[in-house]
Amino acid sequence: MNPKTRNLIGWILTGLIAFVFIASAFMKLFGNEAEMQKNASGFGLSLATIKELGVVELICIGLFIYPRTAILGTLLVAAYMGGAIATHLEHQFSIITPVIIEAMIFITAAVRFPELSKRLMGN
């Protein structure tokens, strides 16, 4: 794959992940209070904690999007989704969605950072 195609695919995947995280963060920060309280209680969290998670999501995805901090952002969004998977497991919720998002993060990282895919593939 030539570098221009790889770059385009990397940015498209980055945009998709950014859309998911930004939408989730805005729902946590500005969503319906009653609905958020219901969701928060299902996970054993307070409404204030949910809002803090929304801020953390925005910071992580901002670092993920910005090229100079993209590797740090990748680590942070991957860790965030790892926490989401653990929380879903703890409360017996389906882990399919967070696992798919986590896989997309790793695929995006492999496409965006050729040095990472070289190390993973042993080339």
N, C-alpha and C. Protein backbone atom coordinates (compact mmCIF):
# COMPACT_ATOMS: atom_id res chain seq x y z
N MET A 1 0.86 -1.17 0.00
CA MET A 1 0.00 0.00 0.00
C MET A 1 0.90 1.24 0.00
N ASN A 2 0.59 2.16 -0.89
CA ASN A 2 1.43 3.36 -0.95
C ASN A 2 1.12 4.29 0.22
N PRO A 3 2.07 5.17 0.58
CA PRO A 3 1.91 6.03 1.76
C PRO A 3 0.68 6.94 1.70
N LYS A 4 0.33 7.43 0.50
CA LYS A 4 -0.83 8.32 0.39
C LYS A 4 -2.13 7.58 0.74
N THR A 5 -2.29 6.36 0.23
CA THR A 5 -3.47 5.56 0.52
C THR A 5 -3.52 5.20 2.01
N ARG A 6 -2.36 4.82 2.55
CA ARG A 6 -2.26 4.47 3.97
C ARG A 6 -2.66 5.66 4.84
N ASN A 7 -2.19 6.85 4.47
CA ASN A 7 -2.52 8.06 5.22
C ASN A 7 -4.01 8.35 5.16
N LEU A 8 -4.61 8.22 3.97
CA LEU A 8 -6.04 8.48 3.82
C LEU A 8 -6.87 7.49 4.65
N ILE A 9 -6.53 6.22 4.57
CA ILE A 9 -7.25 5.21 5.36
C ILE A 9 -7.08 5.47 6.85
N GLY A 10 -5.87 5.84 7.25
CA GLY A 10 -5.62 6.16 8.66
C GLY A 10 -6.48 7.29 9.17
N TRP A 11 -6.62 8.34 8.36
CA TRP A 11 -7.43 9.48 8.78
C TRP A 11 -8.93 9.17 8.76
N ILE A 12 -9.36 8.34 7.84
CA ILE A 12 -10.77 7.94 7.82
C ILE A 12 -11.10 7.13 9.08
N LEU A 13 -10.24 6.17 9.42
CA LEU A 13 -10.45 5.38 10.63
C LEU A 13 -10.37 6.25 11.88
N THR A 14 -9.43 7.19 11.89
CA THR A 14 -9.32 8.12 13.02
C THR A 14 -10.60 8.94 13.17
N GLY A 15 -11.15 9.38 12.06
CA GLY A 15 -12.40 10.14 12.10
C GLY A 15 -13.56 9.33 12.64
N LEU A 16 -13.64 8.07 12.26
CA LEU A 16 -14.71 7.21 12.78
C LEU A 16 -14.60 7.02 14.29
N ILE A 17 -13.39 6.75 14.75
CA ILE A 17 -13.19 6.57 16.19
C ILE A 17 -13.46 7.88 16.92
N ALA A 18 -12.98 8.98 16.35
CA ALA A 18 -13.22 10.29 16.97
C ALA A 18 -14.71 10.58 17.07
N PHE A 19 -15.46 10.25 16.03
CA PHE A 19 -16.91 10.46 16.06
C PHE A 19 -17.55 9.69 17.21
N VAL A 20 -17.16 8.44 17.39
CA VAL A 20 -17.73 7.62 18.46
C VAL A 20 -17.42 8.22 19.83
N PHE A 21 -16.14 8.59 20.04
CA PHE A 21 -15.75 9.13 21.35
C PHE A 21 -16.36 10.50 21.61
N ILE A 22 -16.38 11.36 20.60
CA ILE A 22 -16.95 12.70 20.80
C ILE A 22 -18.45 12.62 21.05
N ALA A 23 -19.14 11.77 20.31
CA ALA A 23 -20.58 11.59 20.54
C ALA A 23 -20.84 11.08 21.95
N SER A 24 -20.06 10.10 22.38
CA SER A 24 -20.22 9.55 23.72
C SER A 24 -19.95 10.61 24.79
N ALA A 25 -18.89 11.39 24.58
CA ALA A 25 -18.55 12.44 25.56
C ALA A 25 -19.64 13.50 25.64
N PHE A 26 -20.17 13.90 24.49
CA PHE A 26 -21.22 14.92 24.51
C PHE A 26 -22.50 14.39 25.14
N MET A 27 -22.79 13.12 24.94
CA MET A 27 -23.96 12.53 25.61
C MET A 27 -23.76 12.52 27.12
N LYS A 28 -22.53 12.25 27.56
CA LYS A 28 -22.25 12.24 28.99
C LYS A 28 -22.29 13.65 29.58
N LEU A 29 -21.85 14.63 28.81
CA LEU A 29 -21.78 16.00 29.33
C LEU A 29 -23.09 16.77 29.19
N PHE A 30 -23.81 16.55 28.09
CA PHE A 30 -24.98 17.37 27.81
C PHE A 30 -26.26 16.58 27.60
N GLY A 31 -26.25 15.30 27.91
CA GLY A 31 -27.41 14.46 27.67
C GLY A 31 -28.53 14.67 28.68
N ASN A 32 -29.60 13.95 28.47
CA ASN A 32 -30.76 13.98 29.34
C ASN A 32 -30.35 13.50 30.74
N GLU A 33 -30.58 14.35 31.75
CA GLU A 33 -30.16 14.04 33.12
C GLU A 33 -30.79 12.75 33.65
N ALA A 34 -32.07 12.55 33.39
CA ALA A 34 -32.75 11.36 33.91
C ALA A 34 -32.19 10.09 33.26
N GLU A 35 -31.95 10.14 31.96
CA GLU A 35 -31.40 8.98 31.24
C GLU A 35 -29.98 8.68 31.72
N MET A 36 -29.18 9.74 31.90
CA MET A 36 -27.81 9.54 32.37
C MET A 36 -27.78 8.97 33.78
N GLN A 37 -28.69 9.44 34.62
CA GLN A 37 -28.75 8.92 36.00
C GLN A 37 -29.11 7.44 35.99
N LYS A 38 -30.02 7.05 35.13
CA LYS A 38 -30.40 5.63 35.01
C LYS A 38 -29.21 4.79 34.54
N ASN A 39 -28.49 5.27 33.50
CA ASN A 39 -27.33 4.55 33.00
C ASN A 39 -26.20 4.50 34.03
N ALA A 40 -25.99 5.61 34.72
CA ALA A 40 -24.93 5.68 35.73
C ALA A 40 -25.19 4.71 36.87
N SER A 41 -26.43 4.64 37.31
CA SER A 41 -26.75 3.73 38.42
C SER A 41 -26.59 2.27 38.00
N GLY A 42 -26.78 1.97 36.73
CA GLY A 42 -26.58 0.60 36.24
C GLY A 42 -25.12 0.17 36.35
N PHE A 43 -24.21 1.12 36.29
CA PHE A 43 -22.78 0.83 36.42
C PHE A 43 -22.26 1.14 37.81
N GLY A 44 -23.12 1.61 38.70
CA GLY A 44 -22.68 1.93 40.05
C GLY A 44 -21.89 3.23 40.12
N LEU A 45 -22.18 4.17 39.23
CA LEU A 45 -21.46 5.44 39.19
C LEU A 45 -22.41 6.59 39.49
N SER A 46 -21.82 7.69 39.95
CA SER A 46 -22.63 8.89 40.18
C SER A 46 -22.69 9.70 38.90
N LEU A 47 -23.62 10.64 38.86
CA LEU A 47 -23.76 11.51 37.69
C LEU A 47 -22.51 12.37 37.50
N ALA A 48 -21.90 12.81 38.60
CA ALA A 48 -20.68 13.61 38.52
C ALA A 48 -19.54 12.80 37.90
N THR A 49 -19.45 11.53 38.24
CA THR A 49 -18.41 10.66 37.68
C THR A 49 -18.62 10.49 36.18
N ILE A 50 -19.86 10.35 35.76
CA ILE A 50 -20.16 10.21 34.33
C ILE A 50 -19.70 11.46 33.58
N LYS A 51 -19.96 12.63 34.15
CA LYS A 51 -19.52 13.87 33.50
C LYS A 51 -18.00 13.95 33.45
N GLU A 52 -17.32 13.51 34.50
CA GLU A 52 -15.86 13.49 34.49
C GLU A 52 -15.34 12.54 33.40
N LEU A 53 -16.00 11.42 33.22
CA LEU A 53 -15.61 10.49 32.16
C LEU A 53 -15.78 11.12 30.78
N GLY A 54 -16.79 11.96 30.62
CA GLY A 54 -16.97 12.68 29.36
C GLY A 54 -15.80 13.61 29.08
N VAL A 55 -15.32 14.30 30.10
CA VAL A 55 -14.17 15.18 29.95
C VAL A 55 -12.92 14.37 29.61
N VAL A 56 -12.74 13.24 30.29
CA VAL A 56 -11.59 12.37 30.01
C VAL A 56 -11.63 11.88 28.57
N GLU A 57 -12.81 11.50 28.10
CA GLU A 57 -12.96 11.06 26.71
C GLU A 57 -12.53 12.14 25.73
N LEU A 58 -12.97 13.37 25.97
CA LEU A 58 -12.61 14.47 25.07
C LEU A 58 -11.10 14.72 25.06
N ILE A 59 -10.47 14.67 26.22
CA ILE A 59 -9.02 14.87 26.29
C ILE A 59 -8.29 13.76 25.54
N CYS A 60 -8.69 12.52 25.80
CA CYS A 60 -8.03 11.38 25.15
C CYS A 60 -8.18 11.43 23.64
N ILE A 61 -9.37 11.71 23.16
CA ILE A 61 -9.58 11.70 21.71
C ILE A 61 -8.89 12.91 21.06
N GLY A 62 -8.80 14.02 21.78
CA GLY A 62 -8.05 15.16 21.27
C GLY A 62 -6.58 14.80 21.07
N LEU A 63 -6.00 14.10 22.03
CA LEU A 63 -4.62 13.65 21.90
C LEU A 63 -4.47 12.61 20.79
N PHE A 64 -5.48 11.78 20.60
CA PHE A 64 -5.47 10.76 19.56
C PHE A 64 -5.51 11.39 18.16
N ILE A 65 -6.27 12.45 18.00
CA ILE A 65 -6.42 13.09 16.70
C ILE A 65 -5.17 13.90 16.32
N TYR A 66 -4.63 14.64 17.26
CA TYR A 66 -3.49 15.52 16.98
C TYR A 66 -2.25 14.68 16.66
N PRO A 67 -1.65 14.84 15.47
CA PRO A 67 -0.55 13.97 15.05
C PRO A 67 0.65 13.90 15.99
N ARG A 68 1.02 15.01 16.62
CA ARG A 68 2.19 15.00 17.50
C ARG A 68 1.96 14.20 18.78
N THR A 69 0.73 14.04 19.19
CA THR A 69 0.43 13.30 20.42
C THR A 69 -0.39 12.04 20.14
N ALA A 70 -0.43 11.63 18.89
CA ALA A 70 -1.32 10.53 18.49
C ALA A 70 -0.96 9.20 19.14
N ILE A 71 0.32 8.93 19.34
CA ILE A 71 0.68 7.66 19.97
C ILE A 71 0.25 7.65 21.43
N LEU A 72 0.48 8.76 22.14
CA LEU A 72 -0.01 8.86 23.51
C LEU A 72 -1.53 8.75 23.54
N GLY A 73 -2.20 9.43 22.63
CA GLY A 73 -3.66 9.35 22.54
C GLY A 73 -4.14 7.94 22.28
N THR A 74 -3.40 7.21 21.43
CA THR A 74 -3.76 5.82 21.15
C THR A 74 -3.70 4.98 22.42
N LEU A 75 -2.63 5.17 23.18
CA LEU A 75 -2.50 4.43 24.45
C LEU A 75 -3.64 4.78 25.41
N LEU A 76 -3.99 6.06 25.46
CA LEU A 76 -5.05 6.49 26.38
C LEU A 76 -6.43 5.99 25.97
N VAL A 77 -6.77 6.07 24.68
CA VAL A 77 -8.09 5.59 24.26
C VAL A 77 -8.18 4.07 24.38
N ALA A 78 -7.05 3.37 24.12
CA ALA A 78 -7.04 1.92 24.29
C ALA A 78 -7.23 1.56 25.76
N ALA A 79 -6.56 2.29 26.65
CA ALA A 79 -6.73 2.03 28.09
C ALA A 79 -8.15 2.36 28.55
N TYR A 80 -8.70 3.45 28.03
CA TYR A 80 -10.08 3.83 28.37
C TYR A 80 -11.05 2.72 27.98
N MET A 81 -10.87 2.20 26.76
CA MET A 81 -11.77 1.13 26.30
C MET A 81 -11.52 -0.16 27.07
N GLY A 82 -10.29 -0.40 27.50
CA GLY A 82 -10.02 -1.55 28.37
C GLY A 82 -10.80 -1.43 29.67
N GLY A 83 -10.86 -0.22 30.22
CA GLY A 83 -11.66 0.01 31.42
C GLY A 83 -13.14 -0.17 31.16
N ALA A 84 -13.59 0.24 29.98
CA ALA A 84 -15.00 0.06 29.62
C ALA A 84 -15.33 -1.43 29.52
N ILE A 85 -14.42 -2.20 28.93
CA ILE A 85 -14.65 -3.65 28.81
C ILE A 85 -14.71 -4.27 30.21
N ALA A 86 -13.78 -3.89 31.08
CA ALA A 86 -13.77 -4.43 32.44
C ALA A 86 -15.05 -4.07 33.20
N THR A 87 -15.50 -2.84 33.04
CA THR A 87 -16.74 -2.40 33.70
C THR A 87 -17.94 -3.18 33.18
N HIS A 88 -18.00 -3.38 31.87
CA HIS A 88 -19.09 -4.15 31.29
C HIS A 88 -19.08 -5.59 31.82
N LEU A 89 -17.90 -6.17 31.91
CA LEU A 89 -17.80 -7.54 32.44
C LEU A 89 -18.24 -7.61 33.89
N GLU A 90 -17.83 -6.63 34.68
CA GLU A 90 -18.16 -6.61 36.10
C GLU A 90 -19.65 -6.54 36.35
N HIS A 91 -20.37 -5.83 35.48
CA HIS A 91 -21.81 -5.64 35.68
C HIS A 91 -22.65 -6.50 34.74
N GLN A 92 -22.04 -7.52 34.14
CA GLN A 92 -22.71 -8.47 33.26
C GLN A 92 -23.44 -7.82 32.08
N PHE A 93 -22.81 -6.79 31.48
CA PHE A 93 -23.34 -6.19 30.27
C PHE A 93 -22.57 -6.77 29.08
N SER A 94 -23.12 -6.64 27.90
CA SER A 94 -22.46 -7.13 26.69
C SER A 94 -21.17 -6.35 26.43
N ILE A 95 -20.13 -7.07 26.06
CA ILE A 95 -18.84 -6.42 25.78
C ILE A 95 -18.58 -6.28 24.28
N ILE A 96 -19.53 -6.62 23.46
CA ILE A 96 -19.31 -6.63 22.01
C ILE A 96 -18.93 -5.24 21.50
N THR A 97 -19.69 -4.22 21.85
CA THR A 97 -19.41 -2.87 21.34
C THR A 97 -18.05 -2.36 21.78
N PRO A 98 -17.70 -2.41 23.09
CA PRO A 98 -16.37 -1.91 23.46
C PRO A 98 -15.22 -2.72 22.84
N VAL A 99 -15.42 -4.02 22.64
CA VAL A 99 -14.37 -4.83 22.02
C VAL A 99 -14.19 -4.44 20.56
N ILE A 100 -15.27 -4.18 19.85
CA ILE A 100 -15.18 -3.75 18.45
C ILE A 100 -14.47 -2.40 18.36
N ILE A 101 -14.80 -1.48 19.26
CA ILE A 101 -14.14 -0.17 19.26
C ILE A 101 -12.66 -0.33 19.58
N GLU A 102 -12.33 -1.18 20.54
CA GLU A 102 -10.93 -1.44 20.90
C GLU A 102 -10.17 -2.01 19.70
N ALA A 103 -10.78 -2.95 18.99
CA ALA A 103 -10.13 -3.53 17.81
C ALA A 103 -9.92 -2.46 16.74
N MET A 104 -10.89 -1.59 16.56
CA MET A 104 -10.74 -0.50 15.58
C MET A 104 -9.61 0.45 15.97
N ILE A 105 -9.43 0.68 17.26
CA ILE A 105 -8.33 1.53 17.72
C ILE A 105 -7.00 0.91 17.34
N PHE A 106 -6.85 -0.40 17.57
CA PHE A 106 -5.59 -1.07 17.24
C PHE A 106 -5.36 -1.13 15.74
N ILE A 107 -6.40 -1.35 14.96
CA ILE A 107 -6.27 -1.36 13.50
C ILE A 107 -5.85 0.03 13.01
N THR A 108 -6.47 1.06 13.55
CA THR A 108 -6.14 2.43 13.18
C THR A 108 -4.69 2.75 13.54
N ALA A 109 -4.26 2.32 14.71
CA ALA A 109 -2.88 2.56 15.13
C ALA A 109 -1.90 1.87 14.18
N ALA A 110 -2.21 0.65 13.77
CA ALA A 110 -1.33 -0.07 12.85
C ALA A 110 -1.26 0.62 11.49
N VAL A 111 -2.36 1.22 11.06
CA VAL A 111 -2.38 1.91 9.77
C VAL A 111 -1.69 3.28 9.88
N ARG A 112 -1.98 4.02 10.95
CA ARG A 112 -1.43 5.36 11.10
C ARG A 112 0.06 5.39 11.39
N PHE A 113 0.54 4.40 12.10
CA PHE A 113 1.94 4.39 12.55
C PHE A 113 2.66 3.21 11.92
N PRO A 114 3.28 3.41 10.77
CA PRO A 114 3.96 2.30 10.09
C PRO A 114 5.02 1.62 10.95
N GLU A 115 5.69 2.39 11.82
CA GLU A 115 6.70 1.78 12.68
C GLU A 115 6.09 0.77 13.65
N LEU A 116 4.86 1.02 14.06
CA LEU A 116 4.18 0.09 14.96
C LEU A 116 3.82 -1.19 14.21
N SER A 117 3.29 -1.06 13.01
CA SER A 117 2.92 -2.26 12.26
C SER A 117 4.16 -3.06 11.87
N LYS A 118 5.29 -2.39 11.62
CA LYS A 118 6.54 -3.10 11.33
C LYS A 118 6.99 -3.91 12.54
N ARG A 119 6.88 -3.32 13.72
CA ARG A 119 7.27 -4.05 14.93
C ARG A 119 6.34 -5.22 15.21
N LEU A 120 5.05 -5.02 14.99
CA LEU A 120 4.08 -6.09 15.25
C LEU A 120 4.20 -7.23 14.27
N MET A 121 4.48 -6.91 13.01
CA MET A 121 4.57 -7.92 11.96
C MET A 121 5.96 -8.52 11.83
N GLY A 122 6.94 -7.92 12.51
CA GLY A 122 8.30 -8.44 12.45
C GLY A 122 9.03 -8.16 11.17
N ASN A 123 8.60 -7.16 10.42
CA ASN A 123 9.26 -6.82 9.14
C ASN A 123 10.35 -5.80 9.36
